[in-house]
């Protein structure tokens, strides 16, 4: 069960954060005060659970984080608090339709509508401008991230264990995109005009390392990638070079004035 459950509060979209006794991670009051949760609405009329983690109030950048497949905001919250404070960024995240407290069903069209609603909420509710937003996608989260980045310019894009397309994951010998293929990120990445950092484990057992390489090679503005020797699909964050590369990219390779 998810450790937290946003509840509708007074006012439009307002929520409060409730932690169950069984939460894996018990938060300090200071950490709880830094987390704001609310509901937004997508263009496909789904209720979208959103979370803003104010880890670094004086920081220029906010990560718009699209998480992986088998998690929700409740499970990711402690990771966001730790990551944001270490790389000196605020973090905005959301649950895909049908995940966590978001309504509707998971689908490709909903994924794209979900990140659109998250982008608009971050811009309007918090007044964060595109040049201060870093889009971060992990695994399936790279799909809506690439889609949005191909349509809007932002400060930067980080692709963590990206996939070329759904069919290419299931059938590695696929060499072109068919009309029935889902998540064709490989065909959209060339339209991304922002700097892109690709991160992939060389021993990824879910999305082969070749996907990360191919996405990197198609990026018009790719920066030096991070290939984590020996890492799989779900353990890249445990390697020291993960945080080191993120800090280097955000603090030194992007403008910070």
C-alpha atoms as a PDB file:
ATOM      1  CA  UNK A   1       0.000   0.000   0.000  1.00  0.00           C
ATOM      2  CA  UNK A   2       1.121   3.506  -0.725  1.00  0.00           C
ATOM      3  CA  UNK A   3       2.438   5.278   2.368  1.00  0.00           C
ATOM      4  CA  UNK A   4       0.528   8.428   1.668  1.00  0.00           C
ATOM      5  CA  UNK A   5      -2.983   9.195   0.565  1.00  0.00           C
ATOM      6  CA  UNK A   6      -3.852  12.722  -0.559  1.00  0.00           C
ATOM      7  CA  UNK A   7      -7.333  13.783   0.491  1.00  0.00           C
ATOM      8  CA  UNK A   8      -9.442  16.533  -1.015  1.00  0.00           C
ATOM      9  CA  UNK A   9      -9.208  19.542   1.269  1.00  0.00           C
ATOM     10  CA  UNK A  10     -10.818  22.945   1.297  1.00  0.00           C
ATOM     11  CA  UNK A  11     -10.320  24.898  -1.891  1.00  0.00           C
ATOM     12  CA  UNK A  12      -9.875  23.738  -5.499  1.00  0.00           C
ATOM     13  CA  UNK A  13      -7.499  20.818  -5.816  1.00  0.00           C
ATOM     14  CA  UNK A  14      -6.199  21.241  -2.258  1.00  0.00           C
ATOM     15  CA  UNK A  15      -5.161  18.095  -0.399  1.00  0.00           C
ATOM     16  CA  UNK A  16      -3.524  17.043   2.809  1.00  0.00           C
ATOM     17  CA  UNK A  17      -0.869  14.385   3.270  1.00  0.00           C
ATOM     18  CA  UNK A  18      -1.653  11.425   5.510  1.00  0.00           C
ATOM     19  CA  UNK A  19       0.962   8.846   6.430  1.00  0.00           C
ATOM     20  CA  UNK A  20      -0.120   5.354   7.390  1.00  0.00           C
ATOM     21  CA  UNK A  21       1.484   3.593  10.340  1.00  0.00           C
ATOM     22  CA  UNK A  22       2.850   1.061   7.851  1.00  0.00           C
ATOM     23  CA  UNK A  23       4.714   3.603   5.743  1.00  0.00           C
ATOM     24  CA  UNK A  24       8.170   2.280   4.881  1.00  0.00           C
ATOM     25  CA  UNK A  25       9.657   5.658   5.651  1.00  0.00           C
ATOM     26  CA  UNK A  26       8.694   7.868   8.600  1.00  0.00           C
ATOM     27  CA  UNK A  27       9.123  11.535   7.739  1.00  0.00           C
ATOM     28  CA  UNK A  28      10.276  14.357   9.991  1.00  0.00           C
ATOM     29  CA  UNK A  29       7.937  17.333  10.316  1.00  0.00           C
ATOM     30  CA  UNK A  30      10.419  19.404   8.311  1.00  0.00           C
ATOM     31  CA  UNK A  31      10.253  16.908   5.451  1.00  0.00           C
ATOM     32  CA  UNK A  32       6.456  16.775   5.583  1.00  0.00           C
ATOM     33  CA  UNK A  33       6.295  20.565   5.479  1.00  0.00           C
ATOM     34  CA  UNK A  34       8.325  20.533   2.260  1.00  0.00           C
ATOM     35  CA  UNK A  35       5.822  18.269   0.460  1.00  0.00           C
ATOM     36  CA  UNK A  36       2.623  19.601  -1.099  1.00  0.00           C
ATOM     37  CA  UNK A  37       0.083  17.328  -2.768  1.00  0.00           C
ATOM     38  CA  UNK A  38      -2.931  18.289  -4.882  1.00  0.00           C
ATOM     39  CA  UNK A  39      -5.129  17.103  -7.712  1.00  0.00           C
ATOM     40  CA  UNK A  40      -5.141  18.465 -11.230  1.00  0.00           C
ATOM     41  CA  UNK A  41      -7.292  17.512 -14.217  1.00  0.00           C
ATOM     42  CA  UNK A  42      -6.042  16.240 -17.581  1.00  0.00           C
ATOM     43  CA  UNK A  43      -7.400  17.100 -21.046  1.00  0.00           C
ATOM     44  CA  UNK A  44      -8.786  13.526 -21.119  1.00  0.00           C
ATOM     45  CA  UNK A  45     -10.732  14.330 -17.935  1.00  0.00           C
ATOM     46  CA  UNK A  46      -8.748  12.188 -15.523  1.00  0.00           C
ATOM     47  CA  UNK A  47      -7.957  13.350 -11.984  1.00  0.00           C
ATOM     48  CA  UNK A  48      -4.193  13.619 -11.657  1.00  0.00           C
ATOM     49  CA  UNK A  49      -2.433  13.214  -8.316  1.00  0.00           C
ATOM     50  CA  UNK A  50       0.480  15.698  -8.136  1.00  0.00           C
ATOM     51  CA  UNK A  51       3.282  16.252  -5.640  1.00  0.00           C
ATOM     52  CA  UNK A  52       5.640  19.205  -5.233  1.00  0.00           C
ATOM     53  CA  UNK A  53       8.707  18.640  -3.050  1.00  0.00           C
ATOM     54  CA  UNK A  54      10.391  21.902  -2.090  1.00  0.00           C
ATOM     55  CA  UNK A  55      13.862  20.473  -1.375  1.00  0.00           C
ATOM     56  CA  UNK A  56      15.860  23.531  -2.369  1.00  0.00           C
ATOM     57  CA  UNK A  57      13.804  26.749  -2.186  1.00  0.00           C
ATOM     58  CA  UNK A  58      16.704  28.892  -3.445  1.00  0.00           C
ATOM     59  CA  UNK A  59      17.492  26.609  -6.392  1.00  0.00           C
ATOM     60  CA  UNK A  60      16.955  27.759  -9.950  1.00  0.00           C
ATOM     61  CA  UNK A  61      15.760  24.367 -11.220  1.00  0.00           C
ATOM     62  CA  UNK A  62      12.758  22.112 -10.680  1.00  0.00           C
ATOM     63  CA  UNK A  63      12.742  18.514 -11.946  1.00  0.00           C
ATOM     64  CA  UNK A  64       9.467  17.416 -13.536  1.00  0.00           C
ATOM     65  CA  UNK A  65       9.907  13.744 -12.652  1.00  0.00           C
ATOM     66  CA  UNK A  66       8.032  10.972 -14.528  1.00  0.00           C
ATOM     67  CA  UNK A  67       8.562   7.818 -12.476  1.00  0.00           C
ATOM     68  CA  UNK A  68       8.874   4.155 -13.460  1.00  0.00           C
ATOM     69  CA  UNK A  69       6.170   1.566 -13.934  1.00  0.00           C
ATOM     70  CA  UNK A  70       5.720  -0.318 -10.651  1.00  0.00           C
ATOM     71  CA  UNK A  71       5.637   2.665  -8.264  1.00  0.00           C
ATOM     72  CA  UNK A  72       3.475   5.635  -7.270  1.00  0.00           C
ATOM     73  CA  UNK A  73       4.001   8.962  -5.514  1.00  0.00           C
ATOM     74  CA  UNK A  74       3.656   7.356  -2.080  1.00  0.00           C
ATOM     75  CA  UNK A  75       6.564   5.020  -2.756  1.00  0.00           C
ATOM     76  CA  UNK A  76       8.693   7.663  -4.487  1.00  0.00           C
ATOM     77  CA  UNK A  77       8.293  10.504  -1.980  1.00  0.00           C
ATOM     78  CA  UNK A  78      11.284   9.618   0.231  1.00  0.00           C
ATOM     79  CA  UNK A  79      13.471   9.163  -2.875  1.00  0.00           C
ATOM     80  CA  UNK A  80      12.412  12.618  -4.136  1.00  0.00           C
ATOM     81  CA  UNK A  81      13.271  14.265  -0.802  1.00  0.00           C
ATOM     82  CA  UNK A  82      16.716  12.634  -0.782  1.00  0.00           C
ATOM     83  CA  UNK A  83      17.467  13.265  -4.457  1.00  0.00           C
ATOM     84  CA  UNK A  84      16.317  16.886  -4.477  1.00  0.00           C
ATOM     85  CA  UNK A  85      18.352  17.822  -1.422  1.00  0.00           C
ATOM     86  CA  UNK A  86      21.474  16.153  -2.831  1.00  0.00           C
ATOM     87  CA  UNK A  87      21.332  17.706  -6.296  1.00  0.00           C
ATOM     88  CA  UNK A  88      19.880  21.020  -5.041  1.00  0.00           C
ATOM     89  CA  UNK A  89      16.631  20.922  -7.060  1.00  0.00           C
ATOM     90  CA  UNK A  90      12.949  21.058  -6.242  1.00  0.00           C
ATOM     91  CA  UNK A  91      10.971  18.098  -7.568  1.00  0.00           C
ATOM     92  CA  UNK A  92       7.484  18.028  -9.073  1.00  0.00           C
ATOM     93  CA  UNK A  93       5.964  14.623  -9.831  1.00  0.00           C
ATOM     94  CA  UNK A  94       2.611  13.056 -10.688  1.00  0.00           C
ATOM     95  CA  UNK A  95       0.917   9.665 -10.902  1.00  0.00           C
ATOM     96  CA  UNK A  96      -0.096   8.413 -14.336  1.00  0.00           C
ATOM     97  CA  UNK A  97      -3.796   7.813 -14.982  1.00  0.00           C
ATOM     98  CA  UNK A  98      -4.767   4.604 -13.177  1.00  0.00           C
ATOM     99  CA  UNK A  99      -1.749   4.770 -10.827  1.00  0.00           C
ATOM    100  CA  UNK A 100      -1.833   5.749  -7.150  1.00  0.00           C
ATOM    101  CA  UNK A 101      -4.603   8.281  -6.530  1.00  0.00           C
ATOM    102  CA  UNK A 102      -4.991   9.268 -10.212  1.00  0.00           C
ATOM    103  CA  UNK A 103      -8.221   8.209 -11.898  1.00  0.00           C
ATOM    104  CA  UNK A 104      -8.723   6.602 -15.312  1.00  0.00           C
ATOM    105  CA  UNK A 105      -6.790   3.785 -16.933  1.00  0.00           C
ATOM    106  CA  UNK A 106      -3.155   3.534 -18.020  1.00  0.00           C
ATOM    107  CA  UNK A 107      -2.809   4.119 -21.778  1.00  0.00           C
ATOM    108  CA  UNK A 108      -0.394   5.744 -24.196  1.00  0.00           C
ATOM    109  CA  UNK A 109      -2.748   8.673 -24.907  1.00  0.00           C
ATOM    110  CA  UNK A 110      -3.314   9.184 -21.189  1.00  0.00           C
ATOM    111  CA  UNK A 111       0.462   9.222 -20.539  1.00  0.00           C
ATOM    112  CA  UNK A 112       0.873  12.184 -22.893  1.00  0.00           C
ATOM    113  CA  UNK A 113      -2.168  14.002 -21.456  1.00  0.00           C
ATOM    114  CA  UNK A 114      -0.886  13.337 -17.921  1.00  0.00           C
ATOM    115  CA  UNK A 115       2.509  14.985 -18.450  1.00  0.00           C
ATOM    116  CA  UNK A 116       0.833  17.894 -20.269  1.00  0.00           C
ATOM    117  CA  UNK A 117      -1.351  18.519 -17.213  1.00  0.00           C
ATOM    118  CA  UNK A 118       1.671  18.204 -14.894  1.00  0.00           C
ATOM    119  CA  UNK A 119       3.658  20.685 -17.033  1.00  0.00           C
ATOM    120  CA  UNK A 120       0.767  23.173 -16.966  1.00  0.00           C
ATOM    121  CA  UNK A 121       0.299  22.759 -13.197  1.00  0.00           C
ATOM    122  CA  UNK A 122       3.994  23.349 -12.546  1.00  0.00           C
ATOM    123  CA  UNK A 123       3.963  26.453 -14.719  1.00  0.00           C
ATOM    124  CA  UNK A 124       0.703  27.997 -13.500  1.00  0.00           C
ATOM    125  CA  UNK A 125       0.443  26.916  -9.845  1.00  0.00           C
ATOM    126  CA  UNK A 126       4.119  27.470  -9.022  1.00  0.00           C
ATOM    127  CA  UNK A 127       5.092  29.990 -11.691  1.00  0.00           C
ATOM    128  CA  UNK A 128       8.095  27.958 -12.865  1.00  0.00           C
ATOM    129  CA  UNK A 129       9.142  28.997 -16.368  1.00  0.00           C
ATOM    130  CA  UNK A 130      10.303  26.458 -19.003  1.00  0.00           C
ATOM    131  CA  UNK A 131      13.951  27.580 -18.854  1.00  0.00           C
ATOM    132  CA  UNK A 132      13.977  26.499 -15.180  1.00  0.00           C
ATOM    133  CA  UNK A 133      12.342  23.078 -15.711  1.00  0.00           C
ATOM    134  CA  UNK A 134      14.382  19.898 -16.156  1.00  0.00           C
ATOM    135  CA  UNK A 135      12.324  16.996 -17.497  1.00  0.00           C
ATOM    136  CA  UNK A 136      13.387  13.719 -15.861  1.00  0.00           C
ATOM    137  CA  UNK A 137      11.984  10.393 -17.064  1.00  0.00           C
ATOM    138  CA  UNK A 138      12.776   6.953 -15.671  1.00  0.00           C
ATOM    139  CA  UNK A 139      12.002   3.782 -17.669  1.00  0.00           C
ATOM    140  CA  UNK A 140       8.366   4.084 -18.887  1.00  0.00           C
ATOM    141  CA  UNK A 141       8.535   7.691 -17.652  1.00  0.00           C
ATOM    142  CA  UNK A 142      10.940   8.492 -20.490  1.00  0.00           C
ATOM    143  CA  UNK A 143       7.995   8.024 -22.898  1.00  0.00           C
ATOM    144  CA  UNK A 144       5.918  11.049 -21.801  1.00  0.00           C
ATOM    145  CA  UNK A 145       9.158  12.950 -21.087  1.00  0.00           C
ATOM    146  CA  UNK A 146      10.412  12.615 -24.685  1.00  0.00           C
ATOM    147  CA  UNK A 147       6.947  13.397 -26.048  1.00  0.00           C
ATOM    148  CA  UNK A 148       6.722  16.642 -24.061  1.00  0.00           C
ATOM    149  CA  UNK A 149      10.349  17.613 -24.766  1.00  0.00           C
ATOM    150  CA  UNK A 150       9.745  17.170 -28.507  1.00  0.00           C
ATOM    151  CA  UNK A 151       6.998  19.817 -28.277  1.00  0.00           C
ATOM    152  CA  UNK A 152       8.341  22.295 -25.701  1.00  0.00           C
ATOM    153  CA  UNK A 153      11.796  23.644 -25.025  1.00  0.00           C
ATOM    154  CA  UNK A 154      12.987  23.416 -21.420  1.00  0.00           C
ATOM    155  CA  UNK A 155      16.249  23.745 -19.463  1.00  0.00           C
ATOM    156  CA  UNK A 156      17.275  20.115 -20.028  1.00  0.00           C
ATOM    157  CA  UNK A 157      16.085  16.522 -20.302  1.00  0.00           C
ATOM    158  CA  UNK A 158      17.339  13.505 -18.335  1.00  0.00           C
ATOM    159  CA  UNK A 159      16.490  10.039 -19.675  1.00  0.00           C
ATOM    160  CA  UNK A 160      17.103   7.277 -17.123  1.00  0.00           C
ATOM    161  CA  UNK A 161      16.962   3.776 -18.694  1.00  0.00           C
ATOM    162  CA  UNK A 162      14.992   4.929 -21.761  1.00  0.00           C
ATOM    163  CA  UNK A 163      13.260   2.694 -24.307  1.00  0.00           C
ATOM    164  CA  UNK A 164      13.247   3.232 -28.071  1.00  0.00           C
ATOM    165  CA  UNK A 165       9.686   1.892 -28.423  1.00  0.00           C
ATOM    166  CA  UNK A 166       7.450  -0.791 -26.961  1.00  0.00           C
ATOM    167  CA  UNK A 167       7.900  -3.184 -29.861  1.00  0.00           C
ATOM    168  CA  UNK A 168      11.677  -2.872 -29.750  1.00  0.00           C
ATOM    169  CA  UNK A 169      11.651  -3.912 -26.073  1.00  0.00           C
ATOM    170  CA  UNK A 170       9.528  -6.988 -26.798  1.00  0.00           C
ATOM    171  CA  UNK A 171      11.231  -7.819 -30.116  1.00  0.00           C
ATOM    172  CA  UNK A 172      14.841  -6.597 -30.057  1.00  0.00           C
ATOM    173  CA  UNK A 173      15.399  -7.250 -33.775  1.00  0.00           C
ATOM    174  CA  UNK A 174      12.777  -4.654 -34.771  1.00  0.00           C
ATOM    175  CA  UNK A 175      14.483  -2.142 -37.072  1.00  0.00           C
ATOM    176  CA  UNK A 176      11.658   0.276 -37.920  1.00  0.00           C
ATOM    177  CA  UNK A 177       8.566   1.740 -36.296  1.00  0.00           C
ATOM    178  CA  UNK A 178       5.298   0.079 -37.309  1.00  0.00           C
ATOM    179  CA  UNK A 179       1.941   1.857 -37.097  1.00  0.00           C
ATOM    180  CA  UNK A 180       0.875  -0.404 -34.211  1.00  0.00           C
ATOM    181  CA  UNK A 181       4.049   0.191 -32.176  1.00  0.00           C
ATOM    182  CA  UNK A 182       3.521   1.900 -28.801  1.00  0.00           C
ATOM    183  CA  UNK A 183       5.741   4.588 -27.284  1.00  0.00           C
ATOM    184  CA  UNK A 184       7.868   5.440 -30.380  1.00  0.00           C
ATOM    185  CA  UNK A 185      10.349   7.674 -28.506  1.00  0.00           C
ATOM    186  CA  UNK A 186      13.138   6.868 -30.985  1.00  0.00           C
ATOM    187  CA  UNK A 187      11.214   8.800 -33.669  1.00  0.00           C
ATOM    188  CA  UNK A 188      10.611  11.828 -31.405  1.00  0.00           C
ATOM    189  CA  UNK A 189      14.036  12.260 -29.799  1.00  0.00           C
ATOM    190  CA  UNK A 190      15.486  14.029 -32.865  1.00  0.00           C
ATOM    191  CA  UNK A 191      12.919  16.837 -32.304  1.00  0.00           C
ATOM    192  CA  UNK A 192      14.178  17.545 -28.767  1.00  0.00           C
ATOM    193  CA  UNK A 193      16.090  20.848 -28.835  1.00  0.00           C
ATOM    194  CA  UNK A 194      17.112  20.935 -25.150  1.00  0.00           C
ATOM    195  CA  UNK A 195      20.341  19.368 -23.797  1.00  0.00           C
ATOM    196  CA  UNK A 196      19.787  15.659 -23.062  1.00  0.00           C
ATOM    197  CA  UNK A 197      21.593  13.483 -20.508  1.00  0.00           C
ATOM    198  CA  UNK A 198      21.093   9.748 -21.059  1.00  0.00           C
ATOM    199  CA  UNK A 199      21.721   7.327 -18.169  1.00  0.00           C
ATOM    200  CA  UNK A 200      21.651   3.543 -18.637  1.00  0.00           C
ATOM    201  CA  UNK A 201      22.991   0.425 -16.921  1.00  0.00           C
ATOM    202  CA  UNK A 202      25.121  -1.830 -19.118  1.00  0.00           C
ATOM    203  CA  UNK A 203      23.463  -4.965 -17.647  1.00  0.00           C
ATOM    204  CA  UNK A 204      19.852  -3.756 -17.834  1.00  0.00           C
ATOM    205  CA  UNK A 205      17.673  -6.876 -17.868  1.00  0.00           C
ATOM    206  CA  UNK A 206      14.380  -5.070 -18.674  1.00  0.00           C
ATOM    207  CA  UNK A 207      15.314  -2.456 -21.302  1.00  0.00           C
ATOM    208  CA  UNK A 208      18.534  -3.473 -23.010  1.00  0.00           C
ATOM    209  CA  UNK A 209      21.519  -1.111 -22.902  1.00  0.00           C
ATOM    210  CA  UNK A 210      21.265  -0.807 -26.715  1.00  0.00           C
ATOM    211  CA  UNK A 211      18.122   1.355 -26.208  1.00  0.00           C
ATOM    212  CA  UNK A 212      20.062   3.943 -24.216  1.00  0.00           C
ATOM    213  CA  UNK A 213      22.831   3.977 -26.812  1.00  0.00           C
ATOM    214  CA  UNK A 214      20.405   4.418 -29.708  1.00  0.00           C
ATOM    215  CA  UNK A 215      18.521   7.241 -27.966  1.00  0.00           C
ATOM    216  CA  UNK A 216      21.814   8.980 -27.162  1.00  0.00           C
ATOM    217  CA  UNK A 217      22.977   8.742 -30.780  1.00  0.00           C
ATOM    218  CA  UNK A 218      19.739  10.326 -32.056  1.00  0.00           C
ATOM    219  CA  UNK A 219      19.811  13.313 -29.646  1.00  0.00           C
ATOM    220  CA  UNK A 220      20.692  16.583 -31.441  1.00  0.00           C
ATOM    221  CA  UNK A 221      22.058  18.072 -28.167  1.00  0.00           C
ATOM    222  CA  UNK A 222      23.228  15.069 -26.169  1.00  0.00           C
ATOM    223  CA  UNK A 223      25.695  15.753 -23.371  1.00  0.00           C
ATOM    224  CA  UNK A 224      28.206  13.191 -22.122  1.00  0.00           C
ATOM    225  CA  UNK A 225      26.073  10.163 -21.153  1.00  0.00           C
ATOM    226  CA  UNK A 226      26.386   8.033 -18.035  1.00  0.00           C
ATOM    227  CA  UNK A 227      26.811   4.334 -18.809  1.00  0.00           C
ATOM    228  CA  UNK A 228      26.816   2.571 -15.426  1.00  0.00           C
ATOM    229  CA  UNK A 229      29.018  -0.500 -15.742  1.00  0.00           C
ATOM    230  CA  UNK A 230      27.322  -3.571 -14.240  1.00  0.00           C
ATOM    231  CA  UNK A 231      24.078  -1.779 -13.290  1.00  0.00           C
ATOM    232  CA  UNK A 232      20.686  -3.296 -14.077  1.00  0.00           C
ATOM    233  CA  UNK A 233      17.282  -1.665 -14.539  1.00  0.00           C
ATOM    234  CA  UNK A 234      16.430  -0.822 -10.936  1.00  0.00           C
ATOM    235  CA  UNK A 235      19.721  -0.171  -9.154  1.00  0.00           C
ATOM    236  CA  UNK A 236      21.437   2.697 -10.999  1.00  0.00           C
ATOM    237  CA  UNK A 237      20.689   5.068  -8.093  1.00  0.00           C
ATOM    238  CA  UNK A 238      22.850   2.906  -5.808  1.00  0.00           C
ATOM    239  CA  UNK A 239      26.027   3.683  -7.775  1.00  0.00           C
ATOM    240  CA  UNK A 240      28.037   6.744  -6.675  1.00  0.00           C
ATOM    241  CA  UNK A 241      28.501   8.005 -10.239  1.00  0.00           C
ATOM    242  CA  UNK A 242      24.714   8.474 -10.577  1.00  0.00           C
ATOM    243  CA  UNK A 243      24.573  11.419  -8.143  1.00  0.00           C
ATOM    244  CA  UNK A 244      27.991  12.662  -9.266  1.00  0.00           C
ATOM    245  CA  UNK A 245      26.895  12.908 -12.901  1.00  0.00           C
ATOM    246  CA  UNK A 246      23.590  14.587 -12.014  1.00  0.00           C
ATOM    247  CA  UNK A 247      25.364  17.177  -9.845  1.00  0.00           C
ATOM    248  CA  UNK A 248      27.950  17.854 -12.543  1.00  0.00           C
ATOM    249  CA  UNK A 249      25.258  18.283 -15.203  1.00  0.00           C
ATOM    250  CA  UNK A 250      22.919  20.494 -13.193  1.00  0.00           C
ATOM    251  CA  UNK A 251      25.452  22.564 -11.256  1.00  0.00           C
ATOM    252  CA  UNK A 252      28.200  22.998 -13.848  1.00  0.00           C
ATOM    253  CA  UNK A 253      26.931  22.230 -17.368  1.00  0.00           C
ATOM    254  CA  UNK A 254      23.636  24.141 -17.153  1.00  0.00           C
ATOM    255  CA  UNK A 255      23.407  27.904 -16.516  1.00  0.00           C
ATOM    256  CA  UNK A 256      22.985  28.644 -12.796  1.00  0.00           C
ATOM    257  CA  UNK A 257      22.856  32.414 -12.673  1.00  0.00           C
END
